[in-house]
């Protein structure tokens, strides 16, 4: 008789997430997760078929933590969209190495589907419908996911900005000047400022 399963999917996902948080996506493997759980690699195959299944479990664990409750109806549609964008950014931003997996496996995640359903309801109430609503949702998802990656992998306060300020001004006048200003822009200012520009376009 086969041994009864003793690990839950959340436990498997938590172990895989710990591996990713510690060593990035490159460190995720069946062997590494098995070691995290204190079991053999073959033993892990009793629970999941391969790394891809582990990835899906991780994405669902992270995205299921996003608060998908509709923001208060007294707020404007822009304010409610901002709340939803902040929630996604804060939750996924706690595990930035997972961001590429959210792109690959988002269609399998109930968490992101429920987040999207709430956002679509707000957009619909704002009169944004049809193909425009499709583009609006995709634009919001693209912006938030891209902003998280830039914030954690290429922050304005990082060495990349400094390197740009040292480019030859005669050849890159706008880049060097913009980089000098960029050093003073905080992460929240960058995220909310970009989001405001996107919402300005939706409200036009």
N, C-alpha and C. Protein backbone atom coordinates (compact mmCIF):
# COMPACT_ATOMS: atom_id res chain seq x y z
N UNK A 1 0.85 -1.20 0.00
CA UNK A 1 0.00 0.00 0.00
C UNK A 1 0.89 1.25 0.00
N UNK A 2 0.51 2.28 -0.79
CA UNK A 2 1.31 3.51 -0.78
C UNK A 2 1.17 4.24 0.54
N UNK A 3 2.23 4.93 0.92
CA UNK A 3 2.18 5.72 2.15
C UNK A 3 1.19 6.87 1.98
N UNK A 4 0.44 7.21 3.03
CA UNK A 4 -0.49 8.34 2.92
C UNK A 4 0.27 9.65 2.77
N UNK A 5 -0.30 10.56 2.03
CA UNK A 5 0.32 11.86 1.85
C UNK A 5 0.24 12.65 3.15
N UNK A 6 1.33 13.30 3.51
CA UNK A 6 1.36 14.01 4.78
C UNK A 6 1.65 15.49 4.63
N UNK A 7 1.93 15.94 3.40
CA UNK A 7 2.21 17.35 3.16
C UNK A 7 1.08 18.00 2.38
N UNK A 8 0.73 19.21 2.76
CA UNK A 8 -0.31 19.95 2.03
C UNK A 8 0.33 20.74 0.89
N UNK A 9 -0.50 21.21 -0.03
CA UNK A 9 0.02 22.03 -1.12
C UNK A 9 0.62 23.32 -0.61
N UNK A 10 0.02 23.89 0.45
CA UNK A 10 0.58 25.12 1.02
C UNK A 10 1.97 24.88 1.59
N UNK A 11 2.18 23.73 2.19
CA UNK A 11 3.51 23.42 2.73
C UNK A 11 4.53 23.25 1.61
N UNK A 12 4.12 22.60 0.54
CA UNK A 12 5.00 22.45 -0.61
C UNK A 12 5.33 23.81 -1.21
N UNK A 13 4.30 24.65 -1.37
CA UNK A 13 4.49 25.98 -1.96
C UNK A 13 5.38 26.84 -1.07
N UNK A 14 5.17 26.76 0.25
CA UNK A 14 5.97 27.55 1.18
C UNK A 14 7.44 27.16 1.11
N UNK A 15 7.71 25.86 0.98
CA UNK A 15 9.09 25.40 0.87
C UNK A 15 9.71 25.90 -0.43
N UNK A 16 8.98 25.80 -1.53
CA UNK A 16 9.49 26.28 -2.82
C UNK A 16 9.72 27.79 -2.78
N UNK A 17 8.80 28.52 -2.14
CA UNK A 17 8.95 29.97 -2.04
C UNK A 17 10.17 30.33 -1.21
N UNK A 18 10.44 29.58 -0.15
CA UNK A 18 11.63 29.83 0.66
C UNK A 18 12.89 29.65 -0.16
N UNK A 19 12.90 28.63 -1.02
CA UNK A 19 14.05 28.39 -1.90
C UNK A 19 14.24 29.56 -2.85
N UNK A 20 13.13 30.05 -3.42
CA UNK A 20 13.21 31.18 -4.37
C UNK A 20 13.65 32.45 -3.67
N UNK A 21 13.06 32.73 -2.51
CA UNK A 21 13.43 33.94 -1.78
C UNK A 21 14.91 33.96 -1.42
N UNK A 22 15.45 32.79 -1.16
CA UNK A 22 16.84 32.69 -0.74
C UNK A 22 17.81 32.70 -1.92
N UNK A 23 17.47 32.00 -3.00
CA UNK A 23 18.42 31.86 -4.09
C UNK A 23 17.93 32.28 -5.46
N UNK A 24 16.73 32.88 -5.53
CA UNK A 24 16.20 33.28 -6.82
C UNK A 24 15.62 32.11 -7.59
N UNK A 25 15.03 32.42 -8.74
CA UNK A 25 14.41 31.38 -9.55
C UNK A 25 15.41 30.33 -10.02
N UNK A 26 16.63 30.74 -10.25
CA UNK A 26 17.64 29.80 -10.73
C UNK A 26 17.88 28.68 -9.72
N UNK A 27 17.61 28.96 -8.46
CA UNK A 27 17.85 27.95 -7.43
C UNK A 27 16.70 26.99 -7.22
N UNK A 28 15.57 27.23 -7.90
CA UNK A 28 14.40 26.37 -7.71
C UNK A 28 14.57 25.06 -8.47
N UNK A 29 14.51 23.98 -7.75
CA UNK A 29 14.59 22.64 -8.35
C UNK A 29 13.88 21.66 -7.43
N UNK A 30 13.55 20.52 -7.97
CA UNK A 30 12.92 19.49 -7.15
C UNK A 30 13.84 19.10 -6.00
N UNK A 31 15.12 19.01 -6.28
CA UNK A 31 16.08 18.61 -5.24
C UNK A 31 16.15 19.65 -4.13
N UNK A 32 16.21 20.95 -4.51
CA UNK A 32 16.31 22.00 -3.50
C UNK A 32 15.08 22.05 -2.61
N UNK A 33 13.91 21.88 -3.21
CA UNK A 33 12.68 21.90 -2.43
C UNK A 33 12.59 20.67 -1.52
N UNK A 34 13.02 19.54 -2.03
CA UNK A 34 13.03 18.33 -1.22
C UNK A 34 13.93 18.52 0.00
N UNK A 35 15.09 19.13 -0.21
CA UNK A 35 16.01 19.39 0.91
C UNK A 35 15.38 20.35 1.91
N UNK A 36 14.66 21.35 1.40
CA UNK A 36 13.98 22.31 2.27
C UNK A 36 12.96 21.60 3.16
N UNK A 37 12.34 20.58 2.60
CA UNK A 37 11.31 19.83 3.34
C UNK A 37 11.89 18.68 4.15
N UNK A 38 13.20 18.43 4.01
CA UNK A 38 13.83 17.35 4.74
C UNK A 38 13.44 15.97 4.24
N UNK A 39 13.32 15.85 2.92
CA UNK A 39 12.91 14.58 2.35
C UNK A 39 13.75 14.30 1.10
N UNK A 40 13.61 13.12 0.54
CA UNK A 40 14.34 12.79 -0.68
C UNK A 40 13.66 13.41 -1.89
N UNK A 41 14.45 13.57 -2.95
CA UNK A 41 13.88 14.11 -4.19
C UNK A 41 12.79 13.19 -4.72
N UNK A 42 13.03 11.89 -4.67
CA UNK A 42 12.02 10.95 -5.13
C UNK A 42 10.75 11.04 -4.29
N UNK A 43 10.92 11.31 -3.01
CA UNK A 43 9.76 11.46 -2.14
C UNK A 43 8.90 12.65 -2.54
N UNK A 44 9.56 13.71 -3.03
CA UNK A 44 8.81 14.90 -3.45
C UNK A 44 7.94 14.60 -4.67
N UNK A 45 8.41 13.69 -5.52
CA UNK A 45 7.63 13.33 -6.71
C UNK A 45 6.32 12.63 -6.35
N UNK A 46 6.14 12.25 -5.12
CA UNK A 46 4.85 11.71 -4.69
C UNK A 46 3.79 12.80 -4.63
N UNK A 47 4.26 14.06 -4.55
CA UNK A 47 3.34 15.18 -4.38
C UNK A 47 3.17 16.02 -5.64
N UNK A 48 4.25 16.22 -6.36
CA UNK A 48 4.21 17.05 -7.57
C UNK A 48 4.95 16.35 -8.70
N UNK A 49 4.53 16.64 -9.93
CA UNK A 49 5.12 15.96 -11.08
C UNK A 49 6.47 16.55 -11.48
N UNK A 50 6.59 17.89 -11.38
CA UNK A 50 7.81 18.52 -11.87
C UNK A 50 7.91 19.94 -11.32
N UNK A 51 8.95 20.64 -11.76
CA UNK A 51 9.19 22.01 -11.30
C UNK A 51 8.05 22.94 -11.71
N UNK A 52 7.48 22.73 -12.89
CA UNK A 52 6.39 23.60 -13.34
C UNK A 52 5.21 23.56 -12.37
N UNK A 53 4.91 22.37 -11.85
CA UNK A 53 3.82 22.28 -10.89
C UNK A 53 4.18 23.02 -9.60
N UNK A 54 5.44 22.96 -9.21
CA UNK A 54 5.89 23.72 -8.04
C UNK A 54 5.71 25.22 -8.28
N UNK A 55 6.06 25.66 -9.49
CA UNK A 55 5.92 27.08 -9.83
C UNK A 55 4.47 27.54 -9.69
N UNK A 56 3.56 26.72 -10.16
CA UNK A 56 2.14 27.07 -10.07
C UNK A 56 1.68 27.16 -8.63
N UNK A 57 2.17 26.26 -7.80
CA UNK A 57 1.81 26.29 -6.38
C UNK A 57 2.33 27.56 -5.72
N UNK A 58 3.55 27.96 -6.09
CA UNK A 58 4.14 29.18 -5.53
C UNK A 58 3.33 30.40 -5.94
N UNK A 59 3.00 30.48 -7.22
CA UNK A 59 2.23 31.63 -7.72
C UNK A 59 0.89 31.72 -6.99
N UNK A 60 0.23 30.59 -6.82
CA UNK A 60 -1.06 30.61 -6.14
C UNK A 60 -0.91 31.00 -4.68
N UNK A 61 0.15 30.53 -4.02
CA UNK A 61 0.39 30.90 -2.62
C UNK A 61 0.57 32.40 -2.48
N UNK A 62 1.38 32.99 -3.35
CA UNK A 62 1.64 34.43 -3.27
C UNK A 62 0.41 35.25 -3.63
N UNK A 63 -0.21 34.92 -4.76
CA UNK A 63 -1.31 35.74 -5.25
C UNK A 63 -2.59 35.54 -4.44
N UNK A 64 -2.73 34.40 -3.78
CA UNK A 64 -3.92 34.19 -2.95
C UNK A 64 -3.90 35.08 -1.72
N UNK A 65 -2.73 35.66 -1.41
CA UNK A 65 -2.62 36.55 -0.27
C UNK A 65 -3.04 37.98 -0.60
N UNK A 66 -3.28 38.27 -1.89
CA UNK A 66 -3.71 39.62 -2.28
C UNK A 66 -5.16 39.83 -1.84
N UNK A 67 -5.41 40.94 -1.18
CA UNK A 67 -6.77 41.28 -0.76
C UNK A 67 -7.59 41.65 -1.99
N UNK A 68 -8.64 40.89 -2.28
CA UNK A 68 -9.44 41.15 -3.48
C UNK A 68 -10.81 41.73 -3.15
N UNK A 69 -11.02 42.08 -1.88
CA UNK A 69 -12.29 42.71 -1.51
C UNK A 69 -12.42 44.06 -2.21
N UNK A 70 -13.59 44.37 -2.79
CA UNK A 70 -13.77 45.67 -3.45
C UNK A 70 -13.56 46.82 -2.47
N UNK A 71 -12.77 47.83 -2.85
CA UNK A 71 -12.59 48.99 -1.98
C UNK A 71 -13.93 49.70 -1.75
N UNK A 72 -13.98 50.54 -0.74
CA UNK A 72 -15.22 51.24 -0.37
C UNK A 72 -15.85 51.98 -1.53
N UNK A 73 -17.18 51.89 -1.67
CA UNK A 73 -17.87 52.53 -2.81
C UNK A 73 -17.86 54.06 -2.75
N UNK A 74 -17.53 54.62 -1.60
CA UNK A 74 -17.49 56.08 -1.49
C UNK A 74 -16.29 56.68 -2.21
N UNK A 75 -15.28 55.88 -2.46
CA UNK A 75 -14.10 56.38 -3.17
C UNK A 75 -14.38 56.44 -4.66
N UNK A 76 -13.61 57.27 -5.36
CA UNK A 76 -13.74 57.37 -6.81
C UNK A 76 -13.19 56.11 -7.46
N UNK A 77 -13.53 55.91 -8.74
CA UNK A 77 -13.03 54.72 -9.42
C UNK A 77 -11.51 54.72 -9.48
N UNK A 78 -10.90 55.90 -9.64
CA UNK A 78 -9.44 56.00 -9.68
C UNK A 78 -8.83 55.60 -8.34
N UNK A 79 -9.42 56.05 -7.27
CA UNK A 79 -8.91 55.71 -5.94
C UNK A 79 -9.03 54.21 -5.67
N UNK A 80 -10.12 53.61 -6.15
CA UNK A 80 -10.30 52.18 -5.94
C UNK A 80 -9.30 51.36 -6.77
N UNK A 81 -9.05 51.80 -8.00
CA UNK A 81 -8.05 51.12 -8.82
C UNK A 81 -6.67 51.26 -8.17
N UNK A 82 -6.38 52.42 -7.62
CA UNK A 82 -5.09 52.62 -6.95
C UNK A 82 -4.95 51.66 -5.76
N UNK A 83 -6.02 51.49 -5.00
CA UNK A 83 -5.99 50.56 -3.87
C UNK A 83 -5.67 49.15 -4.35
N UNK A 84 -6.33 48.72 -5.43
CA UNK A 84 -6.11 47.38 -5.94
C UNK A 84 -4.68 47.22 -6.47
N UNK A 85 -4.17 48.24 -7.13
CA UNK A 85 -2.80 48.18 -7.65
C UNK A 85 -1.80 48.13 -6.51
N UNK A 86 -2.04 48.90 -5.46
CA UNK A 86 -1.15 48.88 -4.29
C UNK A 86 -1.13 47.51 -3.63
N UNK A 87 -2.30 46.90 -3.51
CA UNK A 87 -2.38 45.58 -2.89
C UNK A 87 -1.56 44.55 -3.65
N UNK A 88 -1.68 44.58 -4.97
CA UNK A 88 -0.93 43.62 -5.79
C UNK A 88 0.57 43.90 -5.68
N UNK A 89 0.93 45.16 -5.74
CA UNK A 89 2.35 45.52 -5.65
C UNK A 89 2.94 45.12 -4.30
N UNK A 90 2.23 45.40 -3.22
CA UNK A 90 2.76 45.11 -1.89
C UNK A 90 2.93 43.61 -1.67
N UNK A 91 1.94 42.83 -2.13
CA UNK A 91 1.99 41.39 -1.89
C UNK A 91 3.05 40.72 -2.74
N UNK A 92 3.05 41.00 -4.04
CA UNK A 92 4.03 40.37 -4.93
C UNK A 92 5.42 40.95 -4.69
N UNK A 93 5.47 42.24 -4.36
CA UNK A 93 6.76 42.89 -4.12
C UNK A 93 7.52 42.31 -2.94
N UNK A 94 6.82 41.61 -2.05
CA UNK A 94 7.49 40.96 -0.93
C UNK A 94 8.30 39.76 -1.40
N UNK A 95 8.03 39.30 -2.63
CA UNK A 95 8.75 38.15 -3.21
C UNK A 95 9.08 38.48 -4.67
N UNK A 96 9.93 39.47 -4.91
CA UNK A 96 10.15 39.96 -6.28
C UNK A 96 10.65 38.92 -7.26
N UNK A 97 11.37 37.91 -6.78
CA UNK A 97 11.88 36.88 -7.69
C UNK A 97 10.76 36.05 -8.30
N UNK A 98 9.56 36.12 -7.70
CA UNK A 98 8.42 35.34 -8.20
C UNK A 98 7.73 36.03 -9.38
N UNK A 99 8.03 37.32 -9.60
CA UNK A 99 7.32 38.09 -10.62
C UNK A 99 7.29 37.39 -11.98
N UNK A 100 8.42 36.86 -12.51
CA UNK A 100 8.34 36.18 -13.81
C UNK A 100 7.37 35.01 -13.81
N UNK A 101 7.22 34.33 -12.68
CA UNK A 101 6.30 33.20 -12.62
C UNK A 101 4.86 33.68 -12.68
N UNK A 102 4.58 34.86 -12.14
CA UNK A 102 3.20 35.36 -12.18
C UNK A 102 2.78 35.64 -13.62
N UNK A 103 3.73 36.00 -14.46
CA UNK A 103 3.42 36.23 -15.87
C UNK A 103 3.12 34.90 -16.57
N UNK A 104 3.95 33.90 -16.28
CA UNK A 104 3.83 32.61 -16.94
C UNK A 104 2.58 31.85 -16.51
N UNK A 105 2.26 31.93 -15.22
CA UNK A 105 1.21 31.07 -14.68
C UNK A 105 -0.04 31.82 -14.21
N UNK A 106 -0.17 33.08 -14.60
CA UNK A 106 -1.27 33.88 -14.07
C UNK A 106 -2.65 33.30 -14.42
N UNK A 107 -2.77 32.66 -15.58
CA UNK A 107 -4.08 32.15 -15.99
C UNK A 107 -4.53 30.97 -15.14
N UNK A 108 -3.59 30.37 -14.41
CA UNK A 108 -3.93 29.23 -13.57
C UNK A 108 -4.19 29.65 -12.13
N UNK A 109 -3.98 30.93 -11.82
CA UNK A 109 -4.07 31.39 -10.44
C UNK A 109 -5.44 31.99 -10.15
N UNK A 110 -6.13 31.40 -9.18
CA UNK A 110 -7.41 31.98 -8.76
C UNK A 110 -7.19 33.34 -8.12
N UNK A 111 -6.04 33.52 -7.49
CA UNK A 111 -5.75 34.80 -6.85
C UNK A 111 -5.76 35.96 -7.83
N UNK A 112 -5.03 35.83 -8.95
CA UNK A 112 -4.97 36.92 -9.92
C UNK A 112 -6.29 37.04 -10.68
N UNK A 113 -6.98 35.92 -10.89
CA UNK A 113 -8.27 35.98 -11.56
C UNK A 113 -9.28 36.75 -10.71
N UNK A 114 -9.26 36.52 -9.40
CA UNK A 114 -10.18 37.23 -8.52
C UNK A 114 -9.82 38.70 -8.40
N UNK A 115 -8.51 38.99 -8.38
CA UNK A 115 -8.07 40.39 -8.38
C UNK A 115 -8.56 41.07 -9.65
N UNK A 116 -8.38 40.42 -10.76
CA UNK A 116 -8.80 40.98 -12.05
C UNK A 116 -10.31 41.18 -12.10
N UNK A 117 -11.07 40.26 -11.52
CA UNK A 117 -12.52 40.39 -11.51
C UNK A 117 -12.95 41.65 -10.74
N UNK A 118 -12.30 41.91 -9.62
CA UNK A 118 -12.61 43.11 -8.84
C UNK A 118 -12.25 44.37 -9.63
N UNK A 119 -11.08 44.36 -10.26
CA UNK A 119 -10.66 45.52 -11.06
C UNK A 119 -11.62 45.76 -12.22
N UNK A 120 -12.03 44.69 -12.89
CA UNK A 120 -12.96 44.83 -14.01
C UNK A 120 -14.30 45.40 -13.55
N UNK A 121 -14.74 45.03 -12.37
CA UNK A 121 -16.00 45.58 -11.85
C UNK A 121 -15.89 47.08 -11.65
N UNK A 122 -14.75 47.52 -11.13
CA UNK A 122 -14.53 48.97 -10.93
C UNK A 122 -14.48 49.68 -12.28
N UNK A 123 -13.78 49.11 -13.24
CA UNK A 123 -13.68 49.72 -14.56
C UNK A 123 -15.06 49.80 -15.23
N UNK A 124 -15.85 48.75 -15.06
CA UNK A 124 -17.19 48.74 -15.64
C UNK A 124 -18.05 49.84 -15.05
N UNK A 125 -17.99 50.00 -13.74
CA UNK A 125 -18.75 51.06 -13.07
C UNK A 125 -18.31 52.44 -13.55
N UNK A 126 -17.04 52.55 -13.97
CA UNK A 126 -16.52 53.83 -14.47
C UNK A 126 -16.88 54.06 -15.92
N UNK A 127 -17.59 53.11 -16.54
CA UNK A 127 -18.01 53.27 -17.93
C UNK A 127 -16.97 52.82 -18.93
N UNK A 128 -15.98 52.08 -18.48
CA UNK A 128 -14.94 51.57 -19.38
C UNK A 128 -15.33 50.15 -19.77
N UNK A 129 -15.69 49.96 -21.03
CA UNK A 129 -16.26 48.67 -21.45
C UNK A 129 -15.63 48.19 -22.75
N UNK A 130 -16.02 46.98 -23.16
CA UNK A 130 -15.60 46.42 -24.43
C UNK A 130 -14.10 46.28 -24.57
N UNK A 131 -13.59 46.55 -25.75
CA UNK A 131 -12.17 46.40 -26.02
C UNK A 131 -11.33 47.36 -25.18
N UNK A 132 -11.90 48.52 -24.87
CA UNK A 132 -11.17 49.49 -24.04
C UNK A 132 -10.92 48.91 -22.65
N UNK A 133 -11.88 48.15 -22.14
CA UNK A 133 -11.72 47.54 -20.82
C UNK A 133 -10.66 46.44 -20.87
N UNK A 134 -10.62 45.71 -21.98
CA UNK A 134 -9.58 44.68 -22.17
C UNK A 134 -8.20 45.32 -22.07
N UNK A 135 -8.01 46.39 -22.83
CA UNK A 135 -6.71 47.07 -22.86
C UNK A 135 -6.40 47.67 -21.49
N UNK A 136 -7.44 48.19 -20.82
CA UNK A 136 -7.24 48.79 -19.51
C UNK A 136 -6.71 47.77 -18.50
N UNK A 137 -7.33 46.59 -18.46
CA UNK A 137 -6.89 45.56 -17.52
C UNK A 137 -5.48 45.10 -17.85
N UNK A 138 -5.22 44.85 -19.12
CA UNK A 138 -3.88 44.41 -19.52
C UNK A 138 -2.84 45.49 -19.20
N UNK A 139 -3.22 46.73 -19.43
CA UNK A 139 -2.30 47.82 -19.14
C UNK A 139 -1.99 47.92 -17.66
N UNK A 140 -3.00 47.75 -16.81
CA UNK A 140 -2.79 47.81 -15.37
C UNK A 140 -1.91 46.66 -14.89
N UNK A 141 -2.20 45.46 -15.38
CA UNK A 141 -1.37 44.31 -14.99
C UNK A 141 0.07 44.49 -15.46
N UNK A 142 0.23 44.93 -16.69
CA UNK A 142 1.57 45.14 -17.24
C UNK A 142 2.33 46.19 -16.43
N UNK A 143 1.62 47.26 -16.08
CA UNK A 143 2.28 48.32 -15.33
C UNK A 143 2.73 47.84 -13.96
N UNK A 144 1.82 47.21 -13.21
CA UNK A 144 2.15 46.79 -11.85
C UNK A 144 3.28 45.77 -11.85
N UNK A 145 3.20 44.76 -12.72
CA UNK A 145 4.24 43.73 -12.77
C UNK A 145 5.58 44.33 -13.20
N UNK A 146 5.54 45.19 -14.22
CA UNK A 146 6.78 45.83 -14.67
C UNK A 146 7.36 46.75 -13.61
N UNK A 147 6.49 47.48 -12.90
CA UNK A 147 6.96 48.39 -11.86
C UNK A 147 7.63 47.63 -10.72
N UNK A 148 7.07 46.48 -10.37
CA UNK A 148 7.68 45.67 -9.30
C UNK A 148 9.07 45.22 -9.71
N UNK A 149 9.20 44.77 -10.96
CA UNK A 149 10.52 44.32 -11.42
C UNK A 149 11.53 45.46 -11.42
N UNK A 150 11.13 46.63 -11.90
CA UNK A 150 12.05 47.76 -11.92
C UNK A 150 12.42 48.20 -10.51
N UNK A 151 11.43 48.21 -9.63
CA UNK A 151 11.67 48.67 -8.26
C UNK A 151 12.70 47.79 -7.55
N UNK A 152 12.62 46.48 -7.77
CA UNK A 152 13.48 45.57 -7.03
C UNK A 152 14.74 45.14 -7.79
N UNK A 153 14.71 45.20 -9.11
CA UNK A 153 15.85 44.74 -9.90
C UNK A 153 16.64 45.88 -10.53
N UNK A 154 16.03 47.06 -10.59
CA UNK A 154 16.73 48.20 -11.18
C UNK A 154 16.25 49.50 -10.58
N UNK A 155 16.33 49.59 -9.25
CA UNK A 155 15.80 50.76 -8.54
C UNK A 155 16.48 52.04 -8.98
N UNK A 156 15.72 53.13 -8.96
CA UNK A 156 16.28 54.43 -9.34
C UNK A 156 17.43 54.84 -8.42
N UNK A 157 17.42 54.32 -7.21
CA UNK A 157 18.48 54.65 -6.26
C UNK A 157 19.71 53.78 -6.43
N UNK A 158 19.69 52.89 -7.43
CA UNK A 158 20.77 51.93 -7.61
C UNK A 158 21.91 52.43 -8.48
N UNK A 159 22.83 51.51 -8.73
CA UNK A 159 24.06 51.85 -9.45
C UNK A 159 23.79 52.19 -10.92
N UNK A 160 22.68 51.67 -11.47
CA UNK A 160 22.38 51.96 -12.87
C UNK A 160 22.14 53.43 -13.11
N UNK A 161 21.44 54.07 -12.19
CA UNK A 161 21.17 55.50 -12.31
C UNK A 161 22.46 56.30 -12.22
N UNK A 162 23.32 55.90 -11.28
CA UNK A 162 24.61 56.57 -11.13
C UNK A 162 25.42 56.46 -12.43
N UNK A 163 25.40 55.28 -13.03
CA UNK A 163 26.16 55.07 -14.27
C UNK A 163 25.66 55.97 -15.40
N UNK A 164 24.35 56.17 -15.44
CA UNK A 164 23.78 57.02 -16.49
C UNK A 164 24.19 58.48 -16.29
N UNK A 165 24.28 58.92 -15.03
CA UNK A 165 24.70 60.31 -14.77
C UNK A 165 26.13 60.55 -15.24
N UNK A 166 26.90 59.47 -15.38
CA UNK A 166 28.31 59.62 -15.77
C UNK A 166 28.53 59.46 -17.28
N UNK A 167 27.43 59.31 -18.04
CA UNK A 167 27.55 59.25 -19.49
C UNK A 167 27.99 60.61 -20.04
N UNK A 168 28.56 60.65 -21.24
CA UNK A 168 28.96 61.94 -21.83
C UNK A 168 27.73 62.83 -22.07
N UNK A 169 27.63 63.97 -21.40
CA UNK A 169 26.46 64.83 -21.55
C UNK A 169 26.23 65.29 -22.98
N UNK A 170 27.28 65.47 -23.73
CA UNK A 170 27.13 65.94 -25.11
C UNK A 170 26.41 64.90 -25.97
N UNK A 171 26.61 63.62 -25.66
CA UNK A 171 26.00 62.55 -26.43
C UNK A 171 24.64 62.13 -25.88
N UNK A 172 24.49 62.24 -24.55
CA UNK A 172 23.24 61.83 -23.90
C UNK A 172 22.73 62.94 -22.97
N UNK A 173 22.41 64.10 -23.52
CA UNK A 173 22.02 65.23 -22.65
C UNK A 173 20.76 64.96 -21.84
N UNK A 174 19.75 64.35 -22.47
CA UNK A 174 18.49 64.12 -21.76
C UNK A 174 18.60 62.98 -20.76
N UNK A 175 19.34 61.93 -21.11
CA UNK A 175 19.51 60.81 -20.20
C UNK A 175 20.26 61.24 -18.93
N UNK A 176 21.33 61.97 -19.09
CA UNK A 176 22.12 62.36 -17.93
C UNK A 176 21.34 63.32 -17.03
N UNK A 177 20.62 64.26 -17.64
CA UNK A 177 19.84 65.20 -16.82
C UNK A 177 18.71 64.47 -16.09
N UNK A 178 18.03 63.58 -16.79
CA UNK A 178 16.93 62.83 -16.18
C UNK A 178 17.44 61.94 -15.05
N UNK A 179 18.60 61.34 -15.24
CA UNK A 179 19.17 60.48 -14.20
C UNK A 179 19.51 61.27 -12.95
N UNK A 180 19.93 62.51 -13.12
CA UNK A 180 20.23 63.33 -11.94
C UNK A 180 18.96 63.56 -11.11
N UNK A 181 17.84 63.78 -11.79
CA UNK A 181 16.57 63.94 -11.08
C UNK A 181 16.10 62.60 -10.50
N UNK A 182 16.38 61.54 -11.21
CA UNK A 182 15.88 60.22 -10.81
C UNK A 182 16.39 59.80 -9.44
N UNK A 183 17.57 60.24 -9.08
CA UNK A 183 18.15 59.84 -7.80
C UNK A 183 17.32 60.33 -6.62
N UNK A 184 16.47 61.34 -6.86
CA UNK A 184 15.66 61.91 -5.79
C UNK A 184 14.23 61.36 -5.76
N UNK A 185 13.91 60.47 -6.68
CA UNK A 185 12.56 59.92 -6.78
C UNK A 185 12.48 58.63 -5.98
N UNK A 186 11.60 58.60 -4.96
CA UNK A 186 11.44 57.41 -4.15
C UNK A 186 10.58 56.37 -4.84
N UNK A 187 10.58 55.16 -4.30
CA UNK A 187 9.86 54.05 -4.92
C UNK A 187 8.36 54.31 -4.98
N UNK A 188 7.79 54.83 -3.90
CA UNK A 188 6.35 55.11 -3.89
C UNK A 188 6.00 56.22 -4.87
N UNK A 189 6.83 57.25 -4.92
CA UNK A 189 6.59 58.35 -5.86
C UNK A 189 6.64 57.85 -7.29
N UNK A 190 7.59 56.98 -7.58
CA UNK A 190 7.72 56.44 -8.93
C UNK A 190 6.49 55.60 -9.28
N UNK A 191 6.09 54.69 -8.37
CA UNK A 191 4.98 53.79 -8.65
C UNK A 191 3.67 54.55 -8.80
N UNK A 192 3.37 55.41 -7.83
CA UNK A 192 2.08 56.12 -7.86
C UNK A 192 2.04 57.17 -8.97
N UNK A 193 3.19 57.75 -9.27
CA UNK A 193 3.24 58.73 -10.36
C UNK A 193 2.96 58.08 -11.71
N UNK A 194 3.58 56.93 -11.93
CA UNK A 194 3.32 56.20 -13.18
C UNK A 194 1.90 55.71 -13.27
N UNK A 195 1.36 55.24 -12.15
CA UNK A 195 -0.02 54.77 -12.13
C UNK A 195 -0.98 55.92 -12.43
N UNK A 196 -0.68 57.11 -11.90
CA UNK A 196 -1.54 58.27 -12.14
C UNK A 196 -1.57 58.62 -13.64
N UNK A 197 -0.42 58.53 -14.29
CA UNK A 197 -0.40 58.81 -15.73
C UNK A 197 -1.24 57.80 -16.50
N UNK A 198 -1.18 56.54 -16.09
CA UNK A 198 -2.00 55.51 -16.74
C UNK A 198 -3.49 55.77 -16.52
N UNK A 199 -3.85 56.10 -15.30
CA UNK A 199 -5.26 56.36 -14.99
C UNK A 199 -5.76 57.63 -15.67
N UNK A 200 -4.87 58.61 -15.83
CA UNK A 200 -5.23 59.83 -16.59
C UNK A 200 -5.67 59.44 -18.00
N UNK A 201 -4.94 58.51 -18.60
CA UNK A 201 -5.29 58.07 -19.94
C UNK A 201 -6.61 57.34 -19.99
N UNK A 202 -6.88 56.52 -18.96
CA UNK A 202 -8.15 55.80 -18.92
C UNK A 202 -9.33 56.73 -18.72
N UNK A 203 -9.10 57.82 -18.01
CA UNK A 203 -10.19 58.74 -17.73
C UNK A 203 -10.45 59.75 -18.82
N UNK A 204 -9.54 59.78 -19.81
CA UNK A 204 -9.70 60.77 -20.89
C UNK A 204 -10.88 60.45 -21.77
